[in-house]
Amino acid sequence: MVEHERHEILAMLEQGRTAVQCAVSGVSEEAARLTPGPGRWSILGCAEHIAISEDYMFAQIGKASVPEAPVINLEREAKMLARGTDRSRRIESPPEGHPAERFPTLAAALAHFLRSRDRTIAFVRNCREDLRAKVTWHPVLKVANCHEMLLSIGLHALRHTKQIEEIKVGLG
């Protein structure tokens, strides 16, 4: 991993950790369970989704393989960075990522996310390999290199903190 990219990804991961904490700060457990409408997620549901998605995407990096030719798409990376937190386009989560009451409380979901995020940050800090030389499966991108997976992990939490803020506004 190139050093300046490591710093950029670490900054995004730290920003996402802080953003999730701020977004749920002061939300009561009762309010966390409220949904702003039919078919919409609660704040707890979003926090659960963020936590389990981080685990899934990180696990995909561990399952990566080395293809015959590297899968490098700098244009796609740029688009991810430019559009990754844009909530004007709906991106459907695969069913496995939907909230399913895996955590009894918002505090439990947040604690799980924070442990997972710490693991991801430690991985990036210690990574000395070219992650673009390894590929894995991403539910939206399909075949993706592991650098793109780290971008996805970083952007994902930021995108869903915006959703949490939208839910808070919708609930008044």
C-alpha atoms as a PDB file:
ATOM      1  CA  MET A   1       0.000   0.000   0.000  1.00  0.00           C
ATOM      2  CA  VAL A   2       1.341   3.409  -0.955  1.00  0.00           C
ATOM      3  CA  GLU A   3       1.966   5.540   2.147  1.00  0.00           C
ATOM      4  CA  HIS A   4      -0.157   8.545   1.117  1.00  0.00           C
ATOM      5  CA  GLU A   5      -3.080   6.209   0.314  1.00  0.00           C
ATOM      6  CA  ARG A   6      -2.684   4.535   3.704  1.00  0.00           C
ATOM      7  CA  HIS A   7      -2.993   7.958   5.360  1.00  0.00           C
ATOM      8  CA  GLU A   8      -6.059   8.833   3.257  1.00  0.00           C
ATOM      9  CA  ILE A   9      -7.793   5.566   4.094  1.00  0.00           C
ATOM     10  CA  LEU A  10      -6.892   5.864   7.786  1.00  0.00           C
ATOM     11  CA  ALA A  11      -8.280   9.412   7.845  1.00  0.00           C
ATOM     12  CA  MET A  12     -11.528   8.197   6.246  1.00  0.00           C
ATOM     13  CA  LEU A  13     -11.802   5.315   8.719  1.00  0.00           C
ATOM     14  CA  GLU A  14     -11.202   7.634  11.684  1.00  0.00           C
ATOM     15  CA  GLN A  15     -13.681  10.160  10.283  1.00  0.00           C
ATOM     16  CA  GLY A  16     -16.288   7.415   9.916  1.00  0.00           C
ATOM     17  CA  ARG A  17     -15.737   6.157  13.444  1.00  0.00           C
ATOM     18  CA  THR A  18     -16.238   9.657  14.825  1.00  0.00           C
ATOM     19  CA  ALA A  19     -19.219  10.332  12.547  1.00  0.00           C
ATOM     20  CA  VAL A  20     -21.054   7.186  13.681  1.00  0.00           C
ATOM     21  CA  GLN A  21     -20.414   8.015  17.334  1.00  0.00           C
ATOM     22  CA  CYS A  22     -21.663  11.583  16.855  1.00  0.00           C
ATOM     23  CA  ALA A  23     -24.712  10.492  14.859  1.00  0.00           C
ATOM     24  CA  VAL A  24     -25.964   8.166  17.607  1.00  0.00           C
ATOM     25  CA  SER A  25     -24.871  10.332  20.528  1.00  0.00           C
ATOM     26  CA  GLY A  26     -27.818  11.313  22.670  1.00  0.00           C
ATOM     27  CA  VAL A  27     -30.240   8.958  20.882  1.00  0.00           C
ATOM     28  CA  SER A  28     -32.237   7.054  23.471  1.00  0.00           C
ATOM     29  CA  GLU A  29     -32.686   3.311  23.124  1.00  0.00           C
ATOM     30  CA  GLU A  30     -36.414   3.936  22.641  1.00  0.00           C
ATOM     31  CA  ALA A  31     -35.849   6.485  19.873  1.00  0.00           C
ATOM     32  CA  ALA A  32     -33.276   4.202  18.250  1.00  0.00           C
ATOM     33  CA  ARG A  33     -35.997   1.631  17.588  1.00  0.00           C
ATOM     34  CA  LEU A  34     -38.431   4.032  15.907  1.00  0.00           C
ATOM     35  CA  THR A  35     -38.746   3.997  12.135  1.00  0.00           C
ATOM     36  CA  PRO A  36     -39.633   7.092  10.128  1.00  0.00           C
ATOM     37  CA  GLY A  37     -42.059   5.135   7.944  1.00  0.00           C
ATOM     38  CA  PRO A  38     -42.968   1.789   6.395  1.00  0.00           C
ATOM     39  CA  GLY A  39     -40.049  -0.006   4.813  1.00  0.00           C
ATOM     40  CA  ARG A  40     -37.534   2.374   6.411  1.00  0.00           C
ATOM     41  CA  TRP A  41     -34.816   1.474   8.863  1.00  0.00           C
ATOM     42  CA  SER A  42     -34.561   2.655  12.436  1.00  0.00           C
ATOM     43  CA  ILE A  43     -31.397   4.207  13.834  1.00  0.00           C
ATOM     44  CA  LEU A  44     -30.671   0.889  15.549  1.00  0.00           C
ATOM     45  CA  GLY A  45     -31.213  -0.858  12.205  1.00  0.00           C
ATOM     46  CA  CYS A  46     -28.724   1.469  10.521  1.00  0.00           C
ATOM     47  CA  ALA A  47     -26.184   0.962  13.300  1.00  0.00           C
ATOM     48  CA  GLU A  48     -26.609  -2.802  12.979  1.00  0.00           C
ATOM     49  CA  HIS A  49     -26.169  -2.570   9.207  1.00  0.00           C
ATOM     50  CA  ILE A  50     -23.002  -0.498   9.559  1.00  0.00           C
ATOM     51  CA  ALA A  51     -21.533  -2.976  12.068  1.00  0.00           C
ATOM     52  CA  ILE A  52     -22.290  -6.179  10.161  1.00  0.00           C
ATOM     53  CA  SER A  53     -21.320  -4.688   6.810  1.00  0.00           C
ATOM     54  CA  GLU A  54     -17.922  -3.699   8.177  1.00  0.00           C
ATOM     55  CA  ASP A  55     -17.398  -7.282   9.315  1.00  0.00           C
ATOM     56  CA  TYR A  56     -18.518  -8.687   5.965  1.00  0.00           C
ATOM     57  CA  MET A  57     -16.349  -6.407   3.831  1.00  0.00           C
ATOM     58  CA  PHE A  58     -13.319  -6.923   6.066  1.00  0.00           C
ATOM     59  CA  ALA A  59     -13.796 -10.701   5.888  1.00  0.00           C
ATOM     60  CA  GLN A  60     -13.879 -10.449   2.092  1.00  0.00           C
ATOM     61  CA  ILE A  61     -10.380  -8.947   2.176  1.00  0.00           C
ATOM     62  CA  GLY A  62      -9.235 -12.029   4.080  1.00  0.00           C
ATOM     63  CA  LYS A  63     -10.755 -14.262   1.393  1.00  0.00           C
ATOM     64  CA  ALA A  64      -9.085 -12.395  -1.467  1.00  0.00           C
ATOM     65  CA  SER A  65      -7.131 -14.114  -4.186  1.00  0.00           C
ATOM     66  CA  VAL A  66      -4.410 -13.041  -6.573  1.00  0.00           C
ATOM     67  CA  PRO A  67      -5.735 -12.955 -10.150  1.00  0.00           C
ATOM     68  CA  GLU A  68      -3.637 -13.588 -13.231  1.00  0.00           C
ATOM     69  CA  ALA A  69      -3.770  -9.870 -13.967  1.00  0.00           C
ATOM     70  CA  PRO A  70      -4.429  -7.160 -11.360  1.00  0.00           C
ATOM     71  CA  VAL A  71      -7.876  -5.573 -11.365  1.00  0.00           C
ATOM     72  CA  ILE A  72      -7.042  -1.891 -11.179  1.00  0.00           C
ATOM     73  CA  ASN A  73      -9.651   0.689 -12.053  1.00  0.00           C
ATOM     74  CA  LEU A  74      -8.544   4.124 -10.879  1.00  0.00           C
ATOM     75  CA  GLU A  75     -11.572   5.721 -12.539  1.00  0.00           C
ATOM     76  CA  ARG A  76     -13.917   3.537 -10.465  1.00  0.00           C
ATOM     77  CA  GLU A  77     -11.961   4.416  -7.308  1.00  0.00           C
ATOM     78  CA  ALA A  78     -12.351   8.118  -8.106  1.00  0.00           C
ATOM     79  CA  LYS A  79     -16.095   7.673  -8.668  1.00  0.00           C
ATOM     80  CA  MET A  80     -16.391   5.797  -5.382  1.00  0.00           C
ATOM     81  CA  LEU A  81     -14.702   8.642  -3.542  1.00  0.00           C
ATOM     82  CA  ALA A  82     -16.789  11.271  -5.344  1.00  0.00           C
ATOM     83  CA  ARG A  83     -20.160   9.524  -4.973  1.00  0.00           C
ATOM     84  CA  GLY A  84     -19.772   7.105  -2.082  1.00  0.00           C
ATOM     85  CA  THR A  85     -21.589   9.201   0.490  1.00  0.00           C
ATOM     86  CA  ASP A  86     -24.185  10.628  -1.916  1.00  0.00           C
ATOM     87  CA  ARG A  87     -27.591   9.716  -0.493  1.00  0.00           C
ATOM     88  CA  SER A  88     -29.489  11.042  -3.529  1.00  0.00           C
ATOM     89  CA  ARG A  89     -29.020   7.631  -5.180  1.00  0.00           C
ATOM     90  CA  ARG A  90     -30.495   4.656  -3.424  1.00  0.00           C
ATOM     91  CA  ILE A  91     -28.249   1.607  -3.161  1.00  0.00           C
ATOM     92  CA  GLU A  92     -30.059  -1.520  -2.073  1.00  0.00           C
ATOM     93  CA  SER A  93     -28.313  -3.589   0.560  1.00  0.00           C
ATOM     94  CA  PRO A  94     -28.157  -7.317  -0.067  1.00  0.00           C
ATOM     95  CA  PRO A  95     -30.594  -9.172   2.215  1.00  0.00           C
ATOM     96  CA  GLU A  96     -27.736 -10.336   4.456  1.00  0.00           C
ATOM     97  CA  GLY A  97     -27.041  -6.713   5.301  1.00  0.00           C
ATOM     98  CA  HIS A  98     -30.587  -5.870   6.337  1.00  0.00           C
ATOM     99  CA  PRO A  99     -31.250  -5.239  10.008  1.00  0.00           C
ATOM    100  CA  ALA A 100     -32.397  -8.405  11.776  1.00  0.00           C
ATOM    101  CA  GLU A 101     -32.220  -7.413  15.460  1.00  0.00           C
ATOM    102  CA  ARG A 102     -28.738  -8.890  15.892  1.00  0.00           C
ATOM    103  CA  PHE A 103     -28.011  -6.398  18.679  1.00  0.00           C
ATOM    104  CA  PRO A 104     -30.322  -5.872  21.650  1.00  0.00           C
ATOM    105  CA  THR A 105     -29.458  -2.176  21.983  1.00  0.00           C
ATOM    106  CA  LEU A 106     -27.986   0.745  20.086  1.00  0.00           C
ATOM    107  CA  ALA A 107     -25.113   0.725  22.571  1.00  0.00           C
ATOM    108  CA  ALA A 108     -24.349  -2.914  21.702  1.00  0.00           C
ATOM    109  CA  ALA A 109     -24.423  -2.205  17.955  1.00  0.00           C
ATOM    110  CA  LEU A 110     -22.150   0.806  18.415  1.00  0.00           C
ATOM    111  CA  ALA A 111     -19.711  -1.160  20.576  1.00  0.00           C
ATOM    112  CA  HIS A 112     -19.537  -3.899  17.940  1.00  0.00           C
ATOM    113  CA  PHE A 113     -18.930  -1.355  15.181  1.00  0.00           C
ATOM    114  CA  LEU A 114     -16.166   0.343  17.178  1.00  0.00           C
ATOM    115  CA  ARG A 115     -14.374  -2.970  17.793  1.00  0.00           C
ATOM    116  CA  SER A 116     -14.666  -3.829  14.105  1.00  0.00           C
ATOM    117  CA  ARG A 117     -13.467  -0.396  13.042  1.00  0.00           C
ATOM    118  CA  ASP A 118     -10.467  -0.650  15.379  1.00  0.00           C
ATOM    119  CA  ARG A 119      -9.577  -3.969  13.734  1.00  0.00           C
ATOM    120  CA  THR A 120      -9.864  -2.419  10.256  1.00  0.00           C
ATOM    121  CA  ILE A 121      -7.692   0.541  11.270  1.00  0.00           C
ATOM    122  CA  ALA A 122      -5.045  -1.775  12.743  1.00  0.00           C
ATOM    123  CA  PHE A 123      -5.028  -3.775   9.509  1.00  0.00           C
ATOM    124  CA  VAL A 124      -4.492  -0.659   7.393  1.00  0.00           C
ATOM    125  CA  ARG A 125      -1.760   0.651   9.701  1.00  0.00           C
ATOM    126  CA  ASN A 126       0.148  -2.630   9.412  1.00  0.00           C
ATOM    127  CA  CYS A 127      -0.565  -3.484   5.784  1.00  0.00           C
ATOM    128  CA  ARG A 128       2.547  -3.593   3.627  1.00  0.00           C
ATOM    129  CA  GLU A 129       1.164  -5.358   0.565  1.00  0.00           C
ATOM    130  CA  ASP A 130      -0.339  -4.065  -2.668  1.00  0.00           C
ATOM    131  CA  LEU A 131      -4.053  -4.505  -2.074  1.00  0.00           C
ATOM    132  CA  ARG A 132      -4.829  -3.703  -5.692  1.00  0.00           C
ATOM    133  CA  ALA A 133      -3.099  -6.974  -6.602  1.00  0.00           C
ATOM    134  CA  LYS A 134      -5.747  -9.011  -4.749  1.00  0.00           C
ATOM    135  CA  VAL A 135      -9.412  -9.403  -5.667  1.00  0.00           C
ATOM    136  CA  THR A 136     -12.519 -10.390  -3.814  1.00  0.00           C
ATOM    137  CA  TRP A 137     -16.296 -10.124  -4.068  1.00  0.00           C
ATOM    138  CA  HIS A 138     -18.223  -6.953  -3.254  1.00  0.00           C
ATOM    139  CA  PRO A 139     -22.039  -7.038  -3.211  1.00  0.00           C
ATOM    140  CA  VAL A 140     -22.358  -3.868  -5.331  1.00  0.00           C
ATOM    141  CA  LEU A 141     -19.092  -3.632  -7.270  1.00  0.00           C
ATOM    142  CA  LYS A 142     -18.940  -7.393  -7.895  1.00  0.00           C
ATOM    143  CA  VAL A 143     -15.245  -8.230  -8.512  1.00  0.00           C
ATOM    144  CA  ALA A 144     -13.255  -5.651  -6.593  1.00  0.00           C
ATOM    145  CA  ASN A 145      -9.669  -5.274  -5.542  1.00  0.00           C
ATOM    146  CA  CYS A 146      -8.942  -5.055  -1.834  1.00  0.00           C
ATOM    147  CA  HIS A 147      -8.026  -1.374  -2.019  1.00  0.00           C
ATOM    148  CA  GLU A 148     -11.560  -0.744  -3.296  1.00  0.00           C
ATOM    149  CA  MET A 149     -12.898  -2.822  -0.417  1.00  0.00           C
ATOM    150  CA  LEU A 150     -11.141  -0.554   2.070  1.00  0.00           C
ATOM    151  CA  LEU A 151     -12.574   2.482   0.300  1.00  0.00           C
ATOM    152  CA  SER A 152     -16.009   0.863   0.533  1.00  0.00           C
ATOM    153  CA  ILE A 153     -15.587   0.213   4.237  1.00  0.00           C
ATOM    154  CA  GLY A 154     -14.602   3.819   4.864  1.00  0.00           C
ATOM    155  CA  LEU A 155     -17.322   5.346   2.712  1.00  0.00           C
ATOM    156  CA  HIS A 156     -20.037   2.998   3.949  1.00  0.00           C
ATOM    157  CA  ALA A 157     -20.062   4.268   7.523  1.00  0.00           C
ATOM    158  CA  LEU A 158     -20.015   7.880   6.319  1.00  0.00           C
ATOM    159  CA  ARG A 159     -22.940   7.243   3.977  1.00  0.00           C
ATOM    160  CA  HIS A 160     -25.040   5.648   6.704  1.00  0.00           C
ATOM    161  CA  THR A 161     -24.325   8.343   9.270  1.00  0.00           C
ATOM    162  CA  LYS A 162     -26.094  10.647   6.818  1.00  0.00           C
ATOM    163  CA  GLN A 163     -28.980   8.186   6.831  1.00  0.00           C
ATOM    164  CA  ILE A 164     -29.070   8.250  10.635  1.00  0.00           C
ATOM    165  CA  GLU A 165     -29.214  12.052  10.530  1.00  0.00           C
ATOM    166  CA  GLU A 166     -32.081  11.831   8.019  1.00  0.00           C
ATOM    167  CA  ILE A 167     -33.941   9.441  10.325  1.00  0.00           C
ATOM    168  CA  LYS A 168     -33.467  11.777  13.288  1.00  0.00           C
ATOM    169  CA  VAL A 169     -34.923  14.638  11.250  1.00  0.00           C
ATOM    170  CA  GLY A 170     -37.801  12.433  10.076  1.00  0.00           C
ATOM    171  CA  LEU A 171     -38.645  11.462  13.634  1.00  0.00           C
ATOM    172  CA  GLY A 172     -38.547  15.093  14.770  1.00  0.00           C
END
